[in-house]
Amino acid sequence: MPSIGTEYRQRAGEDHDIRMQMPVLYAWAHQPGVKIIELGTRSGMSTCAFLAGITRSRTGGELWSVDIQQPQVPRAWRDYAFWHLLVADDRSPEAVAFCPDNADVLFLDTSHLYEPTLTELRLYMPKVRHGGIALFHDSDTPGTGPAWPDVPRVLDDYCAEAGLSWYNHRGWNGLGVIEVP
């Protein structure tokens, strides 16, 4: 089994829909003592970036991942003491209680549908500390408009409701960002 750093470099070089965001996730995981909540794991691309960043930082950090299905990731990842995985609906009370308060980073890449995503924002944004950040995959597709039109709509509506704003990093399906003041 290659190291998580080697796995990250390999996955970051592959052609997939989150390739361009992987360095951003990796960089956020470098913060000393970082606490990250990841909603949606699937094949583990974002998970790999977060785990590699935490490992590289050598200052500690932890990742809490929630997915409705068992993620398709290397078995060895489960041995990392700083990775906490829960297979459950992220809108369940169990999942919300599983994830820490005062998280530095919230990463959301789940259903991309309006109601579930709005519910996720209402449940998890209060868990992000002041000065933290929330990142949302699939906020656009360059040249064709949003592949998941509900994602920017939910971000607009949630931000209006919460008195926040968001911006979009275009490319490779987009990365929506809410900076928590």
N, C-alpha and C. Protein backbone atom coordinates (compact mmCIF):
# COMPACT_ATOMS: atom_id res chain seq x y z
N MET A 1 0.86 -1.20 0.00
CA MET A 1 0.00 0.00 0.00
C MET A 1 0.89 1.24 0.00
N PRO A 2 0.70 2.13 -1.00
CA PRO A 2 1.50 3.36 -1.01
C PRO A 2 1.12 4.27 0.15
N SER A 3 2.03 5.17 0.49
CA SER A 3 1.74 6.14 1.54
C SER A 3 0.58 7.03 1.10
N ILE A 4 -0.04 7.69 2.05
CA ILE A 4 -1.16 8.58 1.71
C ILE A 4 -0.67 9.74 0.84
N GLY A 5 0.58 10.18 1.04
CA GLY A 5 1.14 11.23 0.19
C GLY A 5 1.29 10.77 -1.24
N THR A 6 1.77 9.55 -1.42
CA THR A 6 1.91 8.98 -2.76
C THR A 6 0.54 8.79 -3.40
N GLU A 7 -0.39 8.29 -2.61
CA GLU A 7 -1.76 8.10 -3.10
C GLU A 7 -2.37 9.45 -3.53
N TYR A 8 -2.13 10.49 -2.73
CA TYR A 8 -2.64 11.82 -3.07
C TYR A 8 -2.07 12.30 -4.40
N ARG A 9 -0.75 12.21 -4.56
CA ARG A 9 -0.11 12.68 -5.80
C ARG A 9 -0.65 11.91 -7.01
N GLN A 10 -0.86 10.61 -6.84
CA GLN A 10 -1.40 9.81 -7.94
C GLN A 10 -2.82 10.25 -8.27
N ARG A 11 -3.68 10.36 -7.26
CA ARG A 11 -5.07 10.73 -7.49
C ARG A 11 -5.19 12.16 -8.02
N ALA A 12 -4.35 13.06 -7.54
CA ALA A 12 -4.39 14.45 -8.00
C ALA A 12 -3.98 14.58 -9.46
N GLY A 13 -3.26 13.60 -9.97
CA GLY A 13 -2.84 13.61 -11.36
C GLY A 13 -3.81 12.94 -12.31
N GLU A 14 -4.84 12.31 -11.78
CA GLU A 14 -5.83 11.63 -12.61
C GLU A 14 -6.89 12.61 -13.11
N ASP A 15 -7.59 12.22 -14.15
CA ASP A 15 -8.65 13.07 -14.71
C ASP A 15 -9.98 12.69 -14.06
N HIS A 16 -10.46 13.53 -13.16
CA HIS A 16 -11.76 13.32 -12.51
C HIS A 16 -12.33 14.68 -12.11
N ASP A 17 -13.55 14.69 -11.64
CA ASP A 17 -14.28 15.94 -11.46
C ASP A 17 -13.84 16.79 -10.27
N ILE A 18 -12.95 16.30 -9.43
CA ILE A 18 -12.52 17.11 -8.29
C ILE A 18 -11.00 17.35 -8.31
N ARG A 19 -10.39 16.99 -9.42
CA ARG A 19 -8.94 17.10 -9.55
C ARG A 19 -8.41 18.50 -9.24
N MET A 20 -9.05 19.52 -9.78
CA MET A 20 -8.56 20.88 -9.60
C MET A 20 -8.74 21.39 -8.16
N GLN A 21 -9.68 20.82 -7.43
CA GLN A 21 -9.91 21.25 -6.05
C GLN A 21 -9.02 20.52 -5.04
N MET A 22 -8.44 19.40 -5.43
CA MET A 22 -7.66 18.61 -4.47
C MET A 22 -6.53 19.41 -3.82
N PRO A 23 -5.77 20.24 -4.56
CA PRO A 23 -4.74 21.02 -3.89
C PRO A 23 -5.29 22.02 -2.86
N VAL A 24 -6.49 22.55 -3.12
CA VAL A 24 -7.12 23.47 -2.16
C VAL A 24 -7.45 22.72 -0.87
N LEU A 25 -8.03 21.53 -1.00
CA LEU A 25 -8.38 20.73 0.16
C LEU A 25 -7.13 20.32 0.92
N TYR A 26 -6.12 19.91 0.20
CA TYR A 26 -4.83 19.53 0.79
C TYR A 26 -4.25 20.70 1.59
N ALA A 27 -4.28 21.89 1.01
CA ALA A 27 -3.73 23.07 1.68
C ALA A 27 -4.50 23.40 2.96
N TRP A 28 -5.83 23.32 2.92
CA TRP A 28 -6.62 23.60 4.12
C TRP A 28 -6.32 22.61 5.24
N ALA A 29 -5.94 21.40 4.88
CA ALA A 29 -5.64 20.38 5.89
C ALA A 29 -4.29 20.59 6.56
N HIS A 30 -3.51 21.56 6.10
CA HIS A 30 -2.19 21.85 6.68
C HIS A 30 -2.25 22.67 7.97
N GLN A 31 -3.38 23.21 8.31
CA GLN A 31 -3.46 24.06 9.49
C GLN A 31 -3.16 23.26 10.76
N PRO A 32 -2.45 23.85 11.71
CA PRO A 32 -2.19 23.15 12.97
C PRO A 32 -3.50 22.80 13.68
N GLY A 33 -3.66 21.53 14.03
CA GLY A 33 -4.83 21.09 14.77
C GLY A 33 -6.15 21.21 14.02
N VAL A 34 -6.10 21.22 12.70
CA VAL A 34 -7.29 21.42 11.88
C VAL A 34 -8.37 20.39 12.19
N LYS A 35 -9.61 20.86 12.19
CA LYS A 35 -10.79 20.00 12.34
C LYS A 35 -11.63 20.15 11.08
N ILE A 36 -11.79 19.03 10.36
CA ILE A 36 -12.47 19.05 9.07
C ILE A 36 -13.68 18.12 9.12
N ILE A 37 -14.80 18.62 8.61
CA ILE A 37 -16.00 17.80 8.41
C ILE A 37 -16.18 17.62 6.91
N GLU A 38 -16.25 16.39 6.48
CA GLU A 38 -16.45 16.06 5.06
C GLU A 38 -17.78 15.31 4.92
N LEU A 39 -18.70 15.87 4.19
CA LEU A 39 -19.98 15.22 3.91
C LEU A 39 -19.95 14.74 2.48
N GLY A 40 -19.87 13.43 2.30
CA GLY A 40 -19.75 12.82 0.99
C GLY A 40 -18.33 12.36 0.76
N THR A 41 -18.13 11.06 0.70
CA THR A 41 -16.79 10.49 0.55
C THR A 41 -16.65 9.72 -0.76
N ARG A 42 -17.61 8.91 -1.07
CA ARG A 42 -17.69 8.09 -2.28
C ARG A 42 -16.39 7.35 -2.57
N SER A 43 -15.60 7.77 -3.56
CA SER A 43 -14.37 7.08 -3.90
C SER A 43 -13.15 7.65 -3.18
N GLY A 44 -13.35 8.66 -2.36
CA GLY A 44 -12.28 9.13 -1.49
C GLY A 44 -11.32 10.14 -2.06
N MET A 45 -11.66 10.81 -3.14
CA MET A 45 -10.73 11.80 -3.70
C MET A 45 -10.50 12.95 -2.72
N SER A 46 -11.58 13.54 -2.24
CA SER A 46 -11.43 14.64 -1.26
C SER A 46 -10.85 14.11 0.04
N THR A 47 -11.27 12.94 0.46
CA THR A 47 -10.76 12.33 1.68
C THR A 47 -9.25 12.17 1.60
N CYS A 48 -8.77 11.69 0.47
CA CYS A 48 -7.33 11.51 0.27
C CYS A 48 -6.58 12.83 0.40
N ALA A 49 -7.12 13.88 -0.20
CA ALA A 49 -6.46 15.20 -0.10
C ALA A 49 -6.41 15.67 1.34
N PHE A 50 -7.50 15.52 2.06
CA PHE A 50 -7.52 15.93 3.47
C PHE A 50 -6.56 15.09 4.31
N LEU A 51 -6.58 13.77 4.15
CA LEU A 51 -5.70 12.91 4.95
C LEU A 51 -4.23 13.18 4.65
N ALA A 52 -3.91 13.37 3.37
CA ALA A 52 -2.52 13.65 3.01
C ALA A 52 -2.07 14.99 3.58
N GLY A 53 -2.95 15.99 3.53
CA GLY A 53 -2.61 17.30 4.08
C GLY A 53 -2.39 17.24 5.58
N ILE A 54 -3.26 16.51 6.29
CA ILE A 54 -3.10 16.37 7.73
C ILE A 54 -1.78 15.65 8.05
N THR A 55 -1.49 14.59 7.32
CA THR A 55 -0.26 13.84 7.53
C THR A 55 0.97 14.70 7.26
N ARG A 56 0.92 15.46 6.20
CA ARG A 56 2.05 16.32 5.81
C ARG A 56 2.29 17.43 6.82
N SER A 57 1.23 17.92 7.44
CA SER A 57 1.39 19.06 8.36
C SER A 57 2.17 18.70 9.61
N ARG A 58 2.08 17.47 10.06
CA ARG A 58 2.78 16.98 11.26
C ARG A 58 2.42 17.77 12.51
N THR A 59 1.34 18.55 12.44
CA THR A 59 0.92 19.33 13.61
C THR A 59 -0.41 18.83 14.15
N GLY A 60 -0.83 17.71 13.67
CA GLY A 60 -2.09 17.16 14.12
C GLY A 60 -3.24 17.73 13.34
N GLY A 61 -4.32 17.10 13.46
CA GLY A 61 -5.53 17.47 12.76
C GLY A 61 -6.40 16.24 12.69
N GLU A 62 -7.68 16.45 12.43
CA GLU A 62 -8.60 15.33 12.35
C GLU A 62 -9.64 15.58 11.27
N LEU A 63 -10.10 14.48 10.70
CA LEU A 63 -11.11 14.50 9.65
C LEU A 63 -12.27 13.62 10.06
N TRP A 64 -13.47 14.18 10.04
CA TRP A 64 -14.71 13.44 10.28
C TRP A 64 -15.44 13.36 8.96
N SER A 65 -15.65 12.14 8.44
CA SER A 65 -16.33 11.94 7.16
C SER A 65 -17.63 11.20 7.39
N VAL A 66 -18.67 11.65 6.68
CA VAL A 66 -19.97 11.00 6.74
C VAL A 66 -20.41 10.73 5.31
N ASP A 67 -20.82 9.49 5.06
CA ASP A 67 -21.38 9.14 3.76
C ASP A 67 -22.50 8.14 3.98
N ILE A 68 -23.50 8.20 3.13
CA ILE A 68 -24.65 7.32 3.27
C ILE A 68 -24.32 5.88 2.87
N GLN A 69 -23.24 5.71 2.10
CA GLN A 69 -22.78 4.38 1.69
C GLN A 69 -21.34 4.17 2.12
N GLN A 70 -20.97 2.92 2.26
CA GLN A 70 -19.58 2.59 2.59
C GLN A 70 -18.68 3.13 1.49
N PRO A 71 -17.73 4.01 1.81
CA PRO A 71 -16.88 4.57 0.76
C PRO A 71 -15.92 3.54 0.17
N GLN A 72 -15.60 3.74 -1.10
CA GLN A 72 -14.69 2.85 -1.81
C GLN A 72 -13.28 3.41 -1.71
N VAL A 73 -12.65 3.16 -0.56
CA VAL A 73 -11.31 3.68 -0.27
C VAL A 73 -10.43 2.53 0.20
N PRO A 74 -9.11 2.71 0.13
CA PRO A 74 -8.22 1.66 0.62
C PRO A 74 -8.48 1.33 2.09
N ARG A 75 -8.49 0.07 2.40
CA ARG A 75 -8.74 -0.41 3.76
C ARG A 75 -7.76 0.22 4.76
N ALA A 76 -6.53 0.43 4.35
CA ALA A 76 -5.49 0.97 5.25
C ALA A 76 -5.84 2.36 5.78
N TRP A 77 -6.65 3.12 5.06
CA TRP A 77 -7.02 4.45 5.53
C TRP A 77 -7.76 4.38 6.85
N ARG A 78 -8.48 3.30 7.06
CA ARG A 78 -9.26 3.17 8.29
C ARG A 78 -8.36 3.04 9.53
N ASP A 79 -7.09 2.77 9.31
CA ASP A 79 -6.13 2.66 10.42
C ASP A 79 -5.64 4.02 10.92
N TYR A 80 -5.90 5.08 10.17
CA TYR A 80 -5.48 6.41 10.62
C TYR A 80 -6.32 6.81 11.83
N ALA A 81 -5.66 7.06 12.94
CA ALA A 81 -6.37 7.45 14.17
C ALA A 81 -7.05 8.81 14.03
N PHE A 82 -6.62 9.61 13.06
CA PHE A 82 -7.18 10.96 12.88
C PHE A 82 -8.30 11.01 11.84
N TRP A 83 -8.69 9.83 11.31
CA TRP A 83 -9.83 9.77 10.39
C TRP A 83 -10.97 9.05 11.07
N HIS A 84 -12.09 9.74 11.16
CA HIS A 84 -13.30 9.20 11.78
C HIS A 84 -14.36 9.10 10.70
N LEU A 85 -14.87 7.90 10.47
CA LEU A 85 -15.83 7.65 9.41
C LEU A 85 -17.13 7.14 9.99
N LEU A 86 -18.23 7.72 9.54
CA LEU A 86 -19.55 7.24 9.90
C LEU A 86 -20.34 7.00 8.62
N VAL A 87 -20.86 5.79 8.48
CA VAL A 87 -21.73 5.48 7.35
C VAL A 87 -23.16 5.69 7.84
N ALA A 88 -23.76 6.78 7.37
CA ALA A 88 -25.11 7.17 7.80
C ALA A 88 -25.58 8.32 6.93
N ASP A 89 -26.85 8.60 7.00
CA ASP A 89 -27.39 9.79 6.35
C ASP A 89 -26.86 10.99 7.14
N ASP A 90 -26.22 11.93 6.46
CA ASP A 90 -25.61 13.06 7.18
C ASP A 90 -26.64 13.98 7.81
N ARG A 91 -27.91 13.81 7.48
CA ARG A 91 -28.95 14.64 8.09
C ARG A 91 -29.52 14.00 9.36
N SER A 92 -29.02 12.83 9.71
CA SER A 92 -29.51 12.14 10.90
C SER A 92 -28.92 12.77 12.17
N PRO A 93 -29.65 12.68 13.28
CA PRO A 93 -29.10 13.18 14.54
C PRO A 93 -27.77 12.52 14.91
N GLU A 94 -27.64 11.24 14.59
CA GLU A 94 -26.39 10.52 14.87
C GLU A 94 -25.21 11.17 14.14
N ALA A 95 -25.40 11.50 12.87
CA ALA A 95 -24.32 12.10 12.08
C ALA A 95 -23.97 13.50 12.58
N VAL A 96 -24.98 14.29 12.87
CA VAL A 96 -24.72 15.65 13.36
C VAL A 96 -23.95 15.59 14.68
N ALA A 97 -24.34 14.68 15.57
CA ALA A 97 -23.65 14.53 16.86
C ALA A 97 -22.24 13.99 16.68
N PHE A 98 -22.01 13.18 15.66
CA PHE A 98 -20.70 12.59 15.37
C PHE A 98 -19.67 13.65 15.00
N CYS A 99 -20.10 14.68 14.30
CA CYS A 99 -19.18 15.71 13.80
C CYS A 99 -18.92 16.77 14.88
N PRO A 100 -17.70 17.29 14.91
CA PRO A 100 -17.33 18.23 15.98
C PRO A 100 -17.91 19.62 15.78
N ASP A 101 -18.00 20.34 16.86
CA ASP A 101 -18.28 21.77 16.81
C ASP A 101 -16.95 22.49 16.57
N ASN A 102 -17.00 23.74 16.20
CA ASN A 102 -15.81 24.57 15.97
C ASN A 102 -14.88 23.99 14.92
N ALA A 103 -15.46 23.43 13.86
CA ALA A 103 -14.65 22.91 12.76
C ALA A 103 -14.03 24.07 11.99
N ASP A 104 -12.87 23.83 11.46
CA ASP A 104 -12.18 24.82 10.63
C ASP A 104 -12.69 24.78 9.19
N VAL A 105 -13.03 23.57 8.73
CA VAL A 105 -13.43 23.36 7.34
C VAL A 105 -14.65 22.45 7.30
N LEU A 106 -15.62 22.84 6.51
CA LEU A 106 -16.75 21.99 6.15
C LEU A 106 -16.66 21.79 4.65
N PHE A 107 -16.66 20.54 4.22
CA PHE A 107 -16.65 20.24 2.78
C PHE A 107 -17.89 19.43 2.46
N LEU A 108 -18.67 19.89 1.49
CA LEU A 108 -19.92 19.25 1.16
C LEU A 108 -19.94 18.82 -0.31
N ASP A 109 -20.10 17.52 -0.51
CA ASP A 109 -20.19 16.94 -1.86
C ASP A 109 -21.13 15.74 -1.79
N THR A 110 -22.43 16.03 -1.63
CA THR A 110 -23.39 14.95 -1.42
C THR A 110 -24.39 14.87 -2.57
N SER A 111 -25.68 14.98 -2.29
CA SER A 111 -26.71 14.76 -3.31
C SER A 111 -26.79 15.85 -4.36
N HIS A 112 -26.44 17.09 -4.00
CA HIS A 112 -26.54 18.25 -4.88
C HIS A 112 -27.98 18.68 -5.16
N LEU A 113 -28.91 18.13 -4.44
CA LEU A 113 -30.33 18.46 -4.61
C LEU A 113 -30.72 19.53 -3.60
N TYR A 114 -31.70 20.35 -3.97
CA TYR A 114 -32.02 21.54 -3.19
C TYR A 114 -32.34 21.26 -1.72
N GLU A 115 -33.40 20.53 -1.44
CA GLU A 115 -33.84 20.35 -0.04
C GLU A 115 -32.79 19.64 0.82
N PRO A 116 -32.21 18.52 0.38
CA PRO A 116 -31.20 17.89 1.23
C PRO A 116 -29.98 18.79 1.48
N THR A 117 -29.57 19.53 0.47
CA THR A 117 -28.40 20.40 0.63
C THR A 117 -28.72 21.57 1.55
N LEU A 118 -29.89 22.15 1.44
CA LEU A 118 -30.27 23.23 2.34
C LEU A 118 -30.34 22.71 3.79
N THR A 119 -30.88 21.53 3.98
CA THR A 119 -30.91 20.93 5.32
C THR A 119 -29.50 20.72 5.85
N GLU A 120 -28.61 20.23 5.01
CA GLU A 120 -27.21 20.02 5.43
C GLU A 120 -26.57 21.35 5.86
N LEU A 121 -26.81 22.40 5.10
CA LEU A 121 -26.25 23.70 5.47
C LEU A 121 -26.79 24.16 6.82
N ARG A 122 -28.07 24.03 7.01
CA ARG A 122 -28.67 24.46 8.28
C ARG A 122 -28.15 23.63 9.46
N LEU A 123 -27.84 22.37 9.24
CA LEU A 123 -27.33 21.51 10.31
C LEU A 123 -25.84 21.71 10.60
N TYR A 124 -25.06 21.92 9.55
CA TYR A 124 -23.60 21.89 9.71
C TYR A 124 -22.92 23.25 9.72
N MET A 125 -23.48 24.26 9.10
CA MET A 125 -22.83 25.57 9.13
C MET A 125 -22.63 26.08 10.56
N PRO A 126 -23.57 25.83 11.50
CA PRO A 126 -23.32 26.26 12.87
C PRO A 126 -22.13 25.54 13.53
N LYS A 127 -21.67 24.47 12.92
CA LYS A 127 -20.52 23.74 13.45
C LYS A 127 -19.18 24.34 12.99
N VAL A 128 -19.22 25.27 12.04
CA VAL A 128 -18.00 25.90 11.53
C VAL A 128 -17.66 27.10 12.41
N ARG A 129 -16.43 27.14 12.86
CA ARG A 129 -15.98 28.21 13.77
C ARG A 129 -15.91 29.55 13.03
N HIS A 130 -15.94 30.63 13.81
CA HIS A 130 -15.71 31.96 13.23
C HIS A 130 -14.31 31.96 12.64
N GLY A 131 -14.19 32.42 11.42
CA GLY A 131 -12.91 32.38 10.71
C GLY A 131 -12.70 31.11 9.91
N GLY A 132 -13.65 30.17 10.00
CA GLY A 132 -13.56 28.92 9.24
C GLY A 132 -14.11 29.10 7.84
N ILE A 133 -14.17 27.99 7.13
CA ILE A 133 -14.58 28.04 5.73
C ILE A 133 -15.45 26.83 5.41
N ALA A 134 -16.40 27.03 4.51
CA ALA A 134 -17.21 25.94 3.99
C ALA A 134 -17.01 25.88 2.48
N LEU A 135 -16.77 24.69 1.97
CA LEU A 135 -16.47 24.47 0.57
C LEU A 135 -17.52 23.52 -0.03
N PHE A 136 -17.98 23.85 -1.24
CA PHE A 136 -19.08 23.11 -1.86
C PHE A 136 -18.69 22.72 -3.28
N HIS A 137 -18.56 21.42 -3.51
CA HIS A 137 -18.20 20.94 -4.84
C HIS A 137 -19.41 20.99 -5.77
N ASP A 138 -19.14 21.13 -7.04
CA ASP A 138 -20.15 21.12 -8.10
C ASP A 138 -21.03 22.37 -8.09
N SER A 139 -20.40 23.51 -7.93
CA SER A 139 -21.15 24.77 -7.96
C SER A 139 -21.25 25.36 -9.37
N ASP A 140 -20.59 24.76 -10.36
CA ASP A 140 -20.78 25.14 -11.76
C ASP A 140 -20.06 24.16 -12.68
N THR A 141 -20.32 24.29 -13.95
CA THR A 141 -19.57 23.59 -14.99
C THR A 141 -19.23 24.63 -16.05
N PRO A 142 -17.95 24.92 -16.25
CA PRO A 142 -17.57 25.99 -17.19
C PRO A 142 -18.18 25.82 -18.56
N GLY A 143 -18.74 26.92 -19.07
CA GLY A 143 -19.24 26.96 -20.43
C GLY A 143 -20.65 26.43 -20.62
N THR A 144 -21.17 25.69 -19.64
CA THR A 144 -22.49 25.10 -19.84
C THR A 144 -23.45 25.45 -18.72
N GLY A 145 -23.04 26.26 -17.78
CA GLY A 145 -23.88 26.53 -16.61
C GLY A 145 -23.74 25.43 -15.60
N PRO A 146 -24.41 25.55 -14.50
CA PRO A 146 -24.26 24.56 -13.44
C PRO A 146 -24.70 23.16 -13.87
N ALA A 147 -23.85 22.18 -13.59
CA ALA A 147 -24.23 20.79 -13.79
C ALA A 147 -25.25 20.39 -12.74
N TRP A 148 -25.15 21.00 -11.61
CA TRP A 148 -26.06 20.79 -10.49
C TRP A 148 -26.64 22.14 -10.13
N PRO A 149 -27.67 22.60 -10.83
CA PRO A 149 -28.17 23.96 -10.63
C PRO A 149 -28.67 24.23 -9.22
N ASP A 150 -29.01 23.19 -8.47
CA ASP A 150 -29.48 23.42 -7.10
C ASP A 150 -28.38 23.90 -6.19
N VAL A 151 -27.12 23.55 -6.46
CA VAL A 151 -26.04 23.93 -5.54
C VAL A 151 -25.91 25.46 -5.45
N PRO A 152 -25.74 26.19 -6.56
CA PRO A 152 -25.66 27.65 -6.41
C PRO A 152 -26.95 28.27 -5.88
N ARG A 153 -28.09 27.69 -6.25
CA ARG A 153 -29.37 28.19 -5.74
C ARG A 153 -29.46 28.05 -4.22
N VAL A 154 -29.06 26.89 -3.72
CA VAL A 154 -29.06 26.66 -2.27
C VAL A 154 -28.09 27.63 -1.59
N LEU A 155 -26.92 27.80 -2.17
CA LEU A 155 -25.95 28.72 -1.57
C LEU A 155 -26.50 30.14 -1.53
N ASP A 156 -27.14 30.57 -2.60
CA ASP A 156 -27.77 31.90 -2.61
C ASP A 156 -28.82 32.01 -1.51
N ASP A 157 -29.71 31.04 -1.44
CA ASP A 157 -30.81 31.09 -0.48
C ASP A 157 -30.32 30.98 0.96
N TYR A 158 -29.39 30.05 1.21
CA TYR A 158 -28.88 29.90 2.58
C TYR A 158 -28.15 31.17 3.02
N CYS A 159 -27.32 31.70 2.16
CA CYS A 159 -26.56 32.90 2.53
C CYS A 159 -27.49 34.08 2.80
N ALA A 160 -28.55 34.23 2.01
CA ALA A 160 -29.53 35.30 2.26
C ALA A 160 -30.18 35.10 3.63
N GLU A 161 -30.50 33.88 3.95
CA GLU A 161 -31.14 33.54 5.23
C GLU A 161 -30.19 33.76 6.41
N ALA A 162 -28.91 33.46 6.22
CA ALA A 162 -27.94 33.50 7.31
C ALA A 162 -27.13 34.79 7.37
N GLY A 163 -27.34 35.71 6.42
CA GLY A 163 -26.58 36.95 6.40
C GLY A 163 -25.12 36.74 6.00
N LEU A 164 -24.89 35.76 5.12
CA LEU A 164 -23.53 35.46 4.65
C LEU A 164 -23.47 35.67 3.14
N SER A 165 -22.31 35.48 2.57
CA SER A 165 -22.18 35.51 1.12
C SER A 165 -21.27 34.36 0.70
N TRP A 166 -21.32 34.04 -0.58
CA TRP A 166 -20.47 32.99 -1.11
C TRP A 166 -19.89 33.44 -2.43
N TYR A 167 -18.81 32.81 -2.82
CA TYR A 167 -18.23 33.05 -4.13
C TYR A 167 -17.83 31.71 -4.73
N ASN A 168 -17.55 31.73 -6.01
CA ASN A 168 -17.32 30.51 -6.76
C ASN A 168 -15.94 30.51 -7.39
N HIS A 169 -15.22 29.41 -7.22
CA HIS A 169 -14.00 29.16 -7.99
C HIS A 169 -14.43 28.32 -9.18
N ARG A 170 -14.35 28.89 -10.36
CA ARG A 170 -14.80 28.21 -11.56
C ARG A 170 -13.80 27.14 -11.99
N GLY A 171 -14.30 26.21 -12.75
CA GLY A 171 -13.47 25.16 -13.33
C GLY A 171 -13.69 23.83 -12.64
N TRP A 172 -13.63 22.78 -13.44
CA TRP A 172 -13.78 21.41 -12.94
C TRP A 172 -14.99 21.31 -12.03
N ASN A 173 -16.09 21.80 -12.48
CA ASN A 173 -17.39 21.73 -11.81
C ASN A 173 -17.56 22.73 -10.67
N GLY A 174 -16.60 23.55 -10.43
CA GLY A 174 -16.72 24.63 -9.47
C GLY A 174 -16.50 24.22 -8.03
N LEU A 175 -16.11 25.22 -7.25
CA LEU A 175 -15.96 25.06 -5.80
C LEU A 175 -16.52 26.32 -5.16
N GLY A 176 -17.73 26.18 -4.60
CA GLY A 176 -18.35 27.29 -3.90
C GLY A 176 -17.70 27.48 -2.54
N VAL A 177 -17.59 28.72 -2.09
CA VAL A 177 -16.89 29.01 -0.84
C VAL A 177 -17.73 29.98 0.00
N ILE A 178 -17.92 29.63 1.26
CA ILE A 178 -18.46 30.55 2.25
C ILE A 178 -17.39 30.73 3.31
N GLU A 179 -16.93 31.96 3.48
CA GLU A 179 -16.01 32.28 4.56
C GLU A 179 -16.85 32.74 5.75
N VAL A 180 -16.69 32.07 6.87
CA VAL A 180 -17.46 32.41 8.07
C VAL A 180 -16.75 33.53 8.78
N PRO A 181 -17.41 34.70 8.93
CA PRO A 181 -16.73 35.85 9.56
C PRO A 181 -16.40 35.60 11.02
